[in-house]
N, C-alpha and C. Protein backbone atom coordinates (compact mmCIF):
# COMPACT_ATOMS: atom_id res chain seq x y z
N UNK A 1 28.61 56.56 67.71
CA UNK A 1 27.49 56.51 66.80
C UNK A 1 26.71 57.82 66.90
N UNK A 2 26.44 58.39 65.75
CA UNK A 2 25.68 59.64 65.73
C UNK A 2 24.18 59.33 65.65
N UNK A 3 23.38 60.35 65.92
CA UNK A 3 21.93 60.22 65.79
C UNK A 3 21.55 59.88 64.35
N UNK A 4 22.24 60.49 63.41
CA UNK A 4 22.00 60.24 61.98
C UNK A 4 22.29 58.78 61.64
N UNK A 5 23.42 58.27 62.10
CA UNK A 5 23.77 56.87 61.83
C UNK A 5 22.74 55.92 62.44
N UNK A 6 22.32 56.21 63.65
CA UNK A 6 21.31 55.37 64.29
C UNK A 6 20.00 55.39 63.50
N UNK A 7 19.58 56.56 63.06
CA UNK A 7 18.33 56.68 62.31
C UNK A 7 18.37 55.81 61.05
N UNK A 8 19.42 55.95 60.25
CA UNK A 8 19.48 55.21 59.00
C UNK A 8 19.69 53.72 59.23
N UNK A 9 20.43 53.34 60.27
CA UNK A 9 20.58 51.91 60.57
C UNK A 9 19.25 51.32 61.01
N UNK A 10 18.44 52.08 61.71
CA UNK A 10 17.11 51.58 62.10
C UNK A 10 16.23 51.37 60.86
N UNK A 11 16.40 52.22 59.85
CA UNK A 11 15.69 52.02 58.59
C UNK A 11 16.15 50.71 57.93
N UNK A 12 17.45 50.45 57.96
CA UNK A 12 17.98 49.20 57.40
C UNK A 12 17.48 48.00 58.21
N UNK A 13 17.40 48.14 59.53
CA UNK A 13 16.89 47.05 60.37
C UNK A 13 15.43 46.73 60.03
N UNK A 14 14.62 47.73 59.76
CA UNK A 14 13.23 47.49 59.37
C UNK A 14 13.18 46.65 58.09
N UNK A 15 14.07 46.95 57.16
CA UNK A 15 14.13 46.17 55.92
C UNK A 15 14.64 44.76 56.19
N UNK A 16 15.58 44.61 57.10
CA UNK A 16 16.08 43.28 57.47
C UNK A 16 14.94 42.42 58.01
N UNK A 17 14.07 43.03 58.79
CA UNK A 17 12.91 42.29 59.32
C UNK A 17 11.99 41.83 58.19
N UNK A 18 11.87 42.64 57.15
CA UNK A 18 11.07 42.22 55.98
C UNK A 18 11.68 40.97 55.35
N UNK A 19 12.99 40.95 55.22
CA UNK A 19 13.66 39.78 54.66
C UNK A 19 13.39 38.56 55.53
N UNK A 20 13.54 38.72 56.84
CA UNK A 20 13.30 37.60 57.76
C UNK A 20 11.89 37.07 57.66
N UNK A 21 10.92 37.95 57.48
CA UNK A 21 9.52 37.54 57.35
C UNK A 21 9.29 36.68 56.11
N UNK A 22 10.15 36.85 55.11
CA UNK A 22 10.06 36.05 53.88
C UNK A 22 10.88 34.76 53.97
N UNK A 23 11.55 34.54 55.11
CA UNK A 23 12.40 33.37 55.26
C UNK A 23 13.81 33.58 54.75
N UNK A 24 14.13 34.81 54.40
CA UNK A 24 15.47 35.16 53.94
C UNK A 24 16.33 35.53 55.14
N UNK A 25 17.65 35.43 55.00
CA UNK A 25 18.55 35.89 56.05
C UNK A 25 18.25 37.38 56.26
N UNK A 26 17.98 37.80 57.49
CA UNK A 26 17.53 39.17 57.74
C UNK A 26 18.63 40.21 57.68
N UNK A 27 18.87 40.69 56.46
CA UNK A 27 19.83 41.76 56.23
C UNK A 27 19.11 42.83 55.42
N UNK A 28 19.28 44.09 55.84
CA UNK A 28 18.66 45.20 55.14
C UNK A 28 19.67 46.29 54.88
N UNK A 29 19.39 47.13 53.89
CA UNK A 29 20.31 48.20 53.52
C UNK A 29 19.54 49.40 52.99
N UNK A 30 20.08 50.58 53.25
CA UNK A 30 19.57 51.81 52.65
C UNK A 30 20.74 52.61 52.10
N UNK A 31 20.47 53.38 51.06
CA UNK A 31 21.47 54.28 50.48
C UNK A 31 20.95 55.70 50.66
N UNK A 32 21.84 56.54 51.17
CA UNK A 32 21.49 57.90 51.54
C UNK A 32 22.30 58.89 50.72
N UNK A 33 21.60 59.90 50.19
CA UNK A 33 22.24 61.00 49.47
C UNK A 33 21.68 62.30 50.01
N UNK A 34 22.55 63.16 50.47
CA UNK A 34 22.14 64.46 51.01
C UNK A 34 21.07 64.33 52.08
N UNK A 35 21.23 63.34 52.95
CA UNK A 35 20.31 63.16 54.07
C UNK A 35 19.00 62.49 53.74
N UNK A 36 18.82 62.05 52.48
CA UNK A 36 17.58 61.41 52.05
C UNK A 36 17.86 59.98 51.59
N UNK A 37 16.96 59.07 51.92
CA UNK A 37 17.10 57.70 51.43
C UNK A 37 16.71 57.67 49.96
N UNK A 38 17.65 57.21 49.12
CA UNK A 38 17.39 57.11 47.68
C UNK A 38 17.32 55.66 47.21
N UNK A 39 17.70 54.72 48.09
CA UNK A 39 17.66 53.31 47.74
C UNK A 39 17.42 52.45 48.96
N UNK A 40 16.61 51.42 48.77
CA UNK A 40 16.29 50.47 49.84
C UNK A 40 16.43 49.06 49.30
N UNK A 41 16.87 48.15 50.17
CA UNK A 41 16.96 46.76 49.75
C UNK A 41 17.06 45.83 50.94
N UNK A 42 16.67 44.59 50.70
CA UNK A 42 16.85 43.55 51.71
C UNK A 42 17.14 42.24 50.99
N UNK A 43 17.69 41.30 51.73
CA UNK A 43 18.07 40.02 51.14
C UNK A 43 16.88 39.35 50.47
N UNK A 44 17.10 38.89 49.22
CA UNK A 44 16.05 38.21 48.48
C UNK A 44 16.56 37.11 47.55
N UNK A 45 17.70 36.51 47.82
CA UNK A 45 18.20 35.52 46.85
C UNK A 45 17.31 34.29 46.72
N UNK A 46 16.62 33.89 47.79
CA UNK A 46 15.77 32.70 47.72
C UNK A 46 14.51 33.00 46.92
N UNK A 47 13.79 34.05 47.30
CA UNK A 47 12.51 34.34 46.62
C UNK A 47 12.71 34.79 45.18
N UNK A 48 13.84 35.40 44.88
CA UNK A 48 14.10 35.85 43.50
C UNK A 48 14.88 34.83 42.67
N UNK A 49 15.32 33.75 43.32
CA UNK A 49 16.16 32.76 42.62
C UNK A 49 17.36 33.46 41.99
N UNK A 50 18.01 34.31 42.81
CA UNK A 50 19.09 35.16 42.32
C UNK A 50 20.19 35.24 43.38
N UNK A 51 21.32 34.60 43.16
CA UNK A 51 22.39 34.62 44.16
C UNK A 51 22.98 36.01 44.41
N UNK A 52 22.71 36.95 43.51
CA UNK A 52 23.24 38.31 43.70
C UNK A 52 22.26 39.24 44.42
N UNK A 53 21.11 38.74 44.82
CA UNK A 53 20.07 39.60 45.42
C UNK A 53 20.31 39.84 46.91
N UNK A 54 21.52 40.23 47.25
CA UNK A 54 21.84 40.61 48.63
C UNK A 54 21.27 42.00 48.88
N UNK A 55 21.10 42.34 50.15
CA UNK A 55 20.51 43.62 50.54
C UNK A 55 21.22 44.80 49.89
N UNK A 56 22.55 44.78 49.91
CA UNK A 56 23.33 45.89 49.36
C UNK A 56 23.09 46.05 47.87
N UNK A 57 23.09 44.94 47.14
CA UNK A 57 22.90 44.98 45.70
C UNK A 57 21.49 45.47 45.37
N UNK A 58 20.50 45.01 46.12
CA UNK A 58 19.13 45.46 45.89
C UNK A 58 19.01 46.96 46.14
N UNK A 59 19.67 47.44 47.20
CA UNK A 59 19.64 48.88 47.50
C UNK A 59 20.37 49.68 46.43
N UNK A 60 21.50 49.16 45.93
CA UNK A 60 22.23 49.83 44.85
C UNK A 60 21.37 49.92 43.59
N UNK A 61 20.69 48.85 43.25
CA UNK A 61 19.83 48.84 42.07
C UNK A 61 18.72 49.89 42.22
N UNK A 62 18.11 49.93 43.40
CA UNK A 62 17.02 50.88 43.66
C UNK A 62 17.53 52.32 43.58
N UNK A 63 18.67 52.58 44.21
CA UNK A 63 19.22 53.94 44.20
C UNK A 63 19.62 54.36 42.79
N UNK A 64 20.26 53.48 42.04
CA UNK A 64 20.68 53.82 40.68
C UNK A 64 19.48 54.17 39.82
N UNK A 65 18.41 53.41 39.97
CA UNK A 65 17.18 53.70 39.23
C UNK A 65 16.61 55.06 39.66
N UNK A 66 16.59 55.31 40.97
CA UNK A 66 15.97 56.54 41.49
C UNK A 66 16.75 57.81 41.17
N UNK A 67 18.08 57.70 41.07
CA UNK A 67 18.87 58.89 40.72
C UNK A 67 19.27 58.89 39.24
N UNK A 68 18.83 57.86 38.53
CA UNK A 68 19.08 57.74 37.08
C UNK A 68 20.57 57.77 36.75
N UNK A 69 21.36 57.01 37.54
CA UNK A 69 22.80 56.94 37.29
C UNK A 69 23.34 55.67 37.95
N UNK A 70 24.19 54.95 37.23
CA UNK A 70 24.79 53.76 37.83
C UNK A 70 25.91 54.10 38.79
N UNK A 71 26.38 55.30 38.76
CA UNK A 71 27.37 55.80 39.72
C UNK A 71 26.62 56.55 40.81
N UNK A 72 27.04 56.35 42.03
CA UNK A 72 26.37 56.96 43.18
C UNK A 72 27.36 57.72 44.06
N UNK A 73 28.12 58.65 43.47
CA UNK A 73 29.10 59.39 44.27
C UNK A 73 28.41 60.24 45.33
N UNK A 74 29.03 60.33 46.48
CA UNK A 74 28.48 61.12 47.57
C UNK A 74 27.45 60.37 48.40
N UNK A 75 27.14 59.15 48.00
CA UNK A 75 26.15 58.36 48.74
C UNK A 75 26.81 57.56 49.85
N UNK A 76 26.00 57.31 50.87
CA UNK A 76 26.40 56.43 51.97
C UNK A 76 25.48 55.21 51.94
N UNK A 77 26.04 54.05 52.26
CA UNK A 77 25.27 52.83 52.34
C UNK A 77 25.26 52.36 53.79
N UNK A 78 24.08 52.15 54.33
CA UNK A 78 23.91 51.62 55.68
C UNK A 78 23.39 50.20 55.53
N UNK A 79 24.07 49.24 56.14
CA UNK A 79 23.68 47.84 56.01
C UNK A 79 23.85 47.16 57.37
N UNK A 80 22.95 46.24 57.66
CA UNK A 80 22.93 45.62 58.99
C UNK A 80 24.04 44.60 59.21
N UNK A 81 24.66 44.13 58.15
CA UNK A 81 25.73 43.12 58.25
C UNK A 81 26.92 43.55 57.39
N UNK A 82 28.10 43.32 57.88
CA UNK A 82 29.33 43.63 57.14
C UNK A 82 29.26 43.06 55.73
N UNK A 83 29.56 43.86 54.71
CA UNK A 83 29.44 43.39 53.33
C UNK A 83 30.40 42.25 52.98
N UNK A 84 29.93 41.41 52.04
CA UNK A 84 30.75 40.33 51.49
C UNK A 84 31.57 40.87 50.31
N UNK A 85 32.35 40.00 49.71
CA UNK A 85 33.22 40.42 48.60
C UNK A 85 32.40 40.85 47.39
N UNK A 86 31.31 40.13 47.09
CA UNK A 86 30.49 40.49 45.93
C UNK A 86 29.89 41.88 46.12
N UNK A 87 29.31 42.11 47.29
CA UNK A 87 28.67 43.40 47.55
C UNK A 87 29.69 44.52 47.59
N UNK A 88 30.85 44.24 48.14
CA UNK A 88 31.90 45.27 48.18
C UNK A 88 32.33 45.65 46.78
N UNK A 89 32.46 44.68 45.89
CA UNK A 89 32.78 44.99 44.49
C UNK A 89 31.74 45.90 43.88
N UNK A 90 30.47 45.61 44.12
CA UNK A 90 29.39 46.45 43.59
C UNK A 90 29.42 47.85 44.21
N UNK A 91 29.70 47.90 45.50
CA UNK A 91 29.80 49.18 46.21
C UNK A 91 30.91 50.04 45.60
N UNK A 92 32.05 49.42 45.34
CA UNK A 92 33.17 50.15 44.75
C UNK A 92 32.83 50.62 43.33
N UNK A 93 32.22 49.75 42.52
CA UNK A 93 31.88 50.12 41.15
C UNK A 93 30.85 51.25 41.12
N UNK A 94 29.97 51.29 42.12
CA UNK A 94 28.96 52.36 42.18
C UNK A 94 29.55 53.66 42.72
N UNK A 95 30.76 53.60 43.22
CA UNK A 95 31.44 54.79 43.78
C UNK A 95 30.78 55.32 45.05
N UNK A 96 30.25 54.41 45.86
CA UNK A 96 29.70 54.79 47.16
C UNK A 96 30.82 55.43 47.98
N UNK A 97 30.52 56.51 48.65
CA UNK A 97 31.54 57.24 49.41
C UNK A 97 31.83 56.60 50.77
N UNK A 98 30.79 56.06 51.42
CA UNK A 98 30.96 55.57 52.79
C UNK A 98 30.00 54.42 53.05
N UNK A 99 30.49 53.40 53.75
CA UNK A 99 29.68 52.26 54.15
C UNK A 99 29.64 52.24 55.67
N UNK A 100 28.44 52.11 56.21
CA UNK A 100 28.24 51.97 57.65
C UNK A 100 27.51 50.65 57.86
N UNK A 101 28.12 49.75 58.64
CA UNK A 101 27.46 48.46 58.87
C UNK A 101 27.25 48.21 60.36
N UNK A 102 26.35 47.28 60.62
CA UNK A 102 26.02 46.93 62.00
C UNK A 102 26.91 45.82 62.53
N UNK A 103 26.51 44.58 62.31
CA UNK A 103 27.22 43.41 62.86
C UNK A 103 28.37 43.00 61.96
N UNK A 104 29.44 42.52 62.58
CA UNK A 104 30.55 41.95 61.84
C UNK A 104 30.13 40.58 61.31
N UNK A 105 30.76 40.15 60.22
CA UNK A 105 30.49 38.83 59.65
C UNK A 105 31.79 38.04 59.62
N UNK A 106 32.01 37.19 60.64
CA UNK A 106 33.28 36.46 60.73
C UNK A 106 33.48 35.40 59.67
N UNK A 107 32.46 35.11 58.87
CA UNK A 107 32.59 34.08 57.83
C UNK A 107 32.81 34.65 56.44
N UNK A 108 32.17 35.78 56.12
CA UNK A 108 32.30 36.32 54.75
C UNK A 108 32.54 37.82 54.71
N UNK A 109 32.68 38.48 55.83
CA UNK A 109 32.87 39.93 55.85
C UNK A 109 34.23 40.36 55.33
N UNK A 110 34.23 41.38 54.46
CA UNK A 110 35.49 41.85 53.88
C UNK A 110 35.78 43.31 54.21
N UNK A 111 35.25 43.77 55.34
CA UNK A 111 35.58 45.11 55.84
C UNK A 111 36.39 44.97 57.12
N UNK A 112 37.14 43.87 57.20
CA UNK A 112 38.02 43.66 58.33
C UNK A 112 37.90 42.31 59.00
N UNK A 113 36.79 41.60 58.82
CA UNK A 113 36.61 40.32 59.52
C UNK A 113 37.42 39.19 58.90
N UNK A 114 37.18 38.91 57.62
CA UNK A 114 37.93 37.87 56.92
C UNK A 114 39.07 38.50 56.13
N UNK A 115 38.74 39.54 55.41
CA UNK A 115 39.68 40.36 54.64
C UNK A 115 39.31 41.82 54.89
N UNK A 116 40.16 42.73 54.43
CA UNK A 116 39.80 44.14 54.48
C UNK A 116 40.05 44.76 53.11
N UNK A 117 39.06 44.61 52.24
CA UNK A 117 39.18 45.18 50.90
C UNK A 117 39.14 46.70 50.92
N UNK A 118 38.55 47.27 51.96
CA UNK A 118 38.41 48.72 52.05
C UNK A 118 39.75 49.41 52.30
N UNK A 119 40.75 48.65 52.72
CA UNK A 119 42.06 49.25 52.97
C UNK A 119 43.07 48.96 51.85
N UNK A 120 42.63 48.29 50.81
CA UNK A 120 43.54 47.94 49.71
C UNK A 120 43.82 49.16 48.84
N UNK A 121 45.01 49.67 48.95
CA UNK A 121 45.39 50.87 48.19
C UNK A 121 45.48 50.62 46.70
N UNK A 122 45.67 49.37 46.28
CA UNK A 122 45.81 49.07 44.86
C UNK A 122 44.49 49.17 44.09
N UNK A 123 43.38 49.14 44.80
CA UNK A 123 42.09 49.24 44.13
C UNK A 123 41.85 50.68 43.69
N UNK A 124 41.12 50.85 42.58
CA UNK A 124 40.97 52.19 42.02
C UNK A 124 39.91 53.03 42.70
N UNK A 125 39.08 52.43 43.52
CA UNK A 125 38.10 53.21 44.28
C UNK A 125 38.14 52.78 45.74
N UNK A 126 37.94 53.72 46.60
CA UNK A 126 37.90 53.42 48.04
C UNK A 126 36.64 54.03 48.62
N UNK A 127 36.08 53.35 49.58
CA UNK A 127 34.94 53.88 50.33
C UNK A 127 35.36 53.90 51.79
N UNK A 128 34.96 54.93 52.48
CA UNK A 128 35.15 54.92 53.92
C UNK A 128 34.27 53.83 54.51
N UNK A 129 34.67 53.31 55.64
CA UNK A 129 33.87 52.24 56.26
C UNK A 129 33.87 52.40 57.77
N UNK A 130 32.72 52.16 58.35
CA UNK A 130 32.59 52.19 59.81
C UNK A 130 31.65 51.06 60.21
N UNK A 131 32.09 50.26 61.15
CA UNK A 131 31.27 49.15 61.61
C UNK A 131 30.83 49.32 63.05
N UNK A 132 29.91 48.47 63.45
CA UNK A 132 29.48 48.43 64.84
C UNK A 132 28.31 49.31 65.19
N UNK A 133 27.64 49.92 64.22
CA UNK A 133 26.49 50.78 64.51
C UNK A 133 25.28 49.88 64.79
N UNK A 134 24.76 49.95 66.00
CA UNK A 134 23.67 49.08 66.46
C UNK A 134 24.03 47.61 66.27
N UNK A 135 25.30 47.28 66.50
CA UNK A 135 25.81 45.93 66.26
C UNK A 135 25.04 44.87 67.02
N UNK A 136 24.73 45.13 68.27
CA UNK A 136 24.02 44.11 69.07
C UNK A 136 22.64 43.84 68.51
N UNK A 137 21.93 44.87 68.14
CA UNK A 137 20.59 44.69 67.59
C UNK A 137 20.65 43.99 66.23
N UNK A 138 21.57 44.41 65.39
CA UNK A 138 21.73 43.79 64.07
C UNK A 138 22.13 42.32 64.21
N UNK A 139 23.12 42.06 65.05
CA UNK A 139 23.58 40.69 65.26
C UNK A 139 22.53 39.83 65.94
N UNK A 140 21.77 40.42 66.86
CA UNK A 140 20.72 39.68 67.54
C UNK A 140 19.65 39.21 66.59
N UNK A 141 19.29 40.03 65.63
CA UNK A 141 18.29 39.65 64.63
C UNK A 141 18.77 38.42 63.86
N UNK A 142 20.04 38.41 63.51
CA UNK A 142 20.61 37.26 62.79
C UNK A 142 20.67 36.03 63.69
N UNK A 143 21.07 36.20 64.94
CA UNK A 143 21.17 35.07 65.88
C UNK A 143 19.82 34.39 66.08
N UNK A 144 18.78 35.19 66.28
CA UNK A 144 17.43 34.64 66.47
C UNK A 144 16.99 33.89 65.21
N UNK A 145 17.25 34.46 64.04
CA UNK A 145 16.88 33.82 62.78
C UNK A 145 17.55 32.46 62.62
N UNK A 146 18.87 32.40 62.85
CA UNK A 146 19.59 31.14 62.66
C UNK A 146 19.26 30.12 63.74
N UNK A 147 18.98 30.57 64.96
CA UNK A 147 18.57 29.64 66.02
C UNK A 147 17.23 28.99 65.65
N UNK A 148 16.30 29.79 65.15
CA UNK A 148 15.00 29.25 64.72
C UNK A 148 15.17 28.28 63.56
N UNK A 149 16.05 28.62 62.63
CA UNK A 149 16.29 27.73 61.48
C UNK A 149 16.88 26.40 61.95
N UNK A 150 17.84 26.46 62.87
CA UNK A 150 18.42 25.20 63.40
C UNK A 150 17.37 24.39 64.14
N UNK A 151 16.52 25.03 64.91
CA UNK A 151 15.47 24.33 65.64
C UNK A 151 14.51 23.62 64.68
N UNK A 152 14.15 24.29 63.59
CA UNK A 152 13.25 23.66 62.60
C UNK A 152 13.93 22.46 61.96
N UNK A 153 15.22 22.57 61.68
CA UNK A 153 15.96 21.48 61.05
C UNK A 153 16.03 20.27 61.99
N UNK A 154 16.24 20.53 63.28
CA UNK A 154 16.35 19.44 64.25
C UNK A 154 15.01 18.75 64.49
N UNK A 155 13.92 19.50 64.35
CA UNK A 155 12.59 18.96 64.58
C UNK A 155 11.97 18.35 63.33
N UNK A 156 12.66 18.48 62.22
CA UNK A 156 12.08 17.97 60.95
C UNK A 156 12.36 16.50 60.76
């Protein structure tokens, strides 16, 4: 892990904490172009009543607006949790160059956990992918969130 990767993942972690404070699954994402953050997002499907409002999609929307283009070539996406199939499709359509994620997602992750869409040569766009950046911290945030949710359910 480089200093640069750690810096941007910490920015994504701050956004993940914002999601958690709203009662959303704590996942955050930033999009970086030429060393600058051009897009930020965190999970918001509950508060927005929008099943597509995952952190990655929110960050893609923000970046596309900020650079005035639906294509984001040369951009990197940093996200605290391995992307799902929906987010990966959006990442590919936006032409993101590289994805860096924190914790693996053994239930819905498609960067190697459940499937590996990033290695599919038949797809017309490919993004580089690297996982495990601040994985313990990213995963710990999720573990604490779900433990608290289970505790509330058991006490209700």
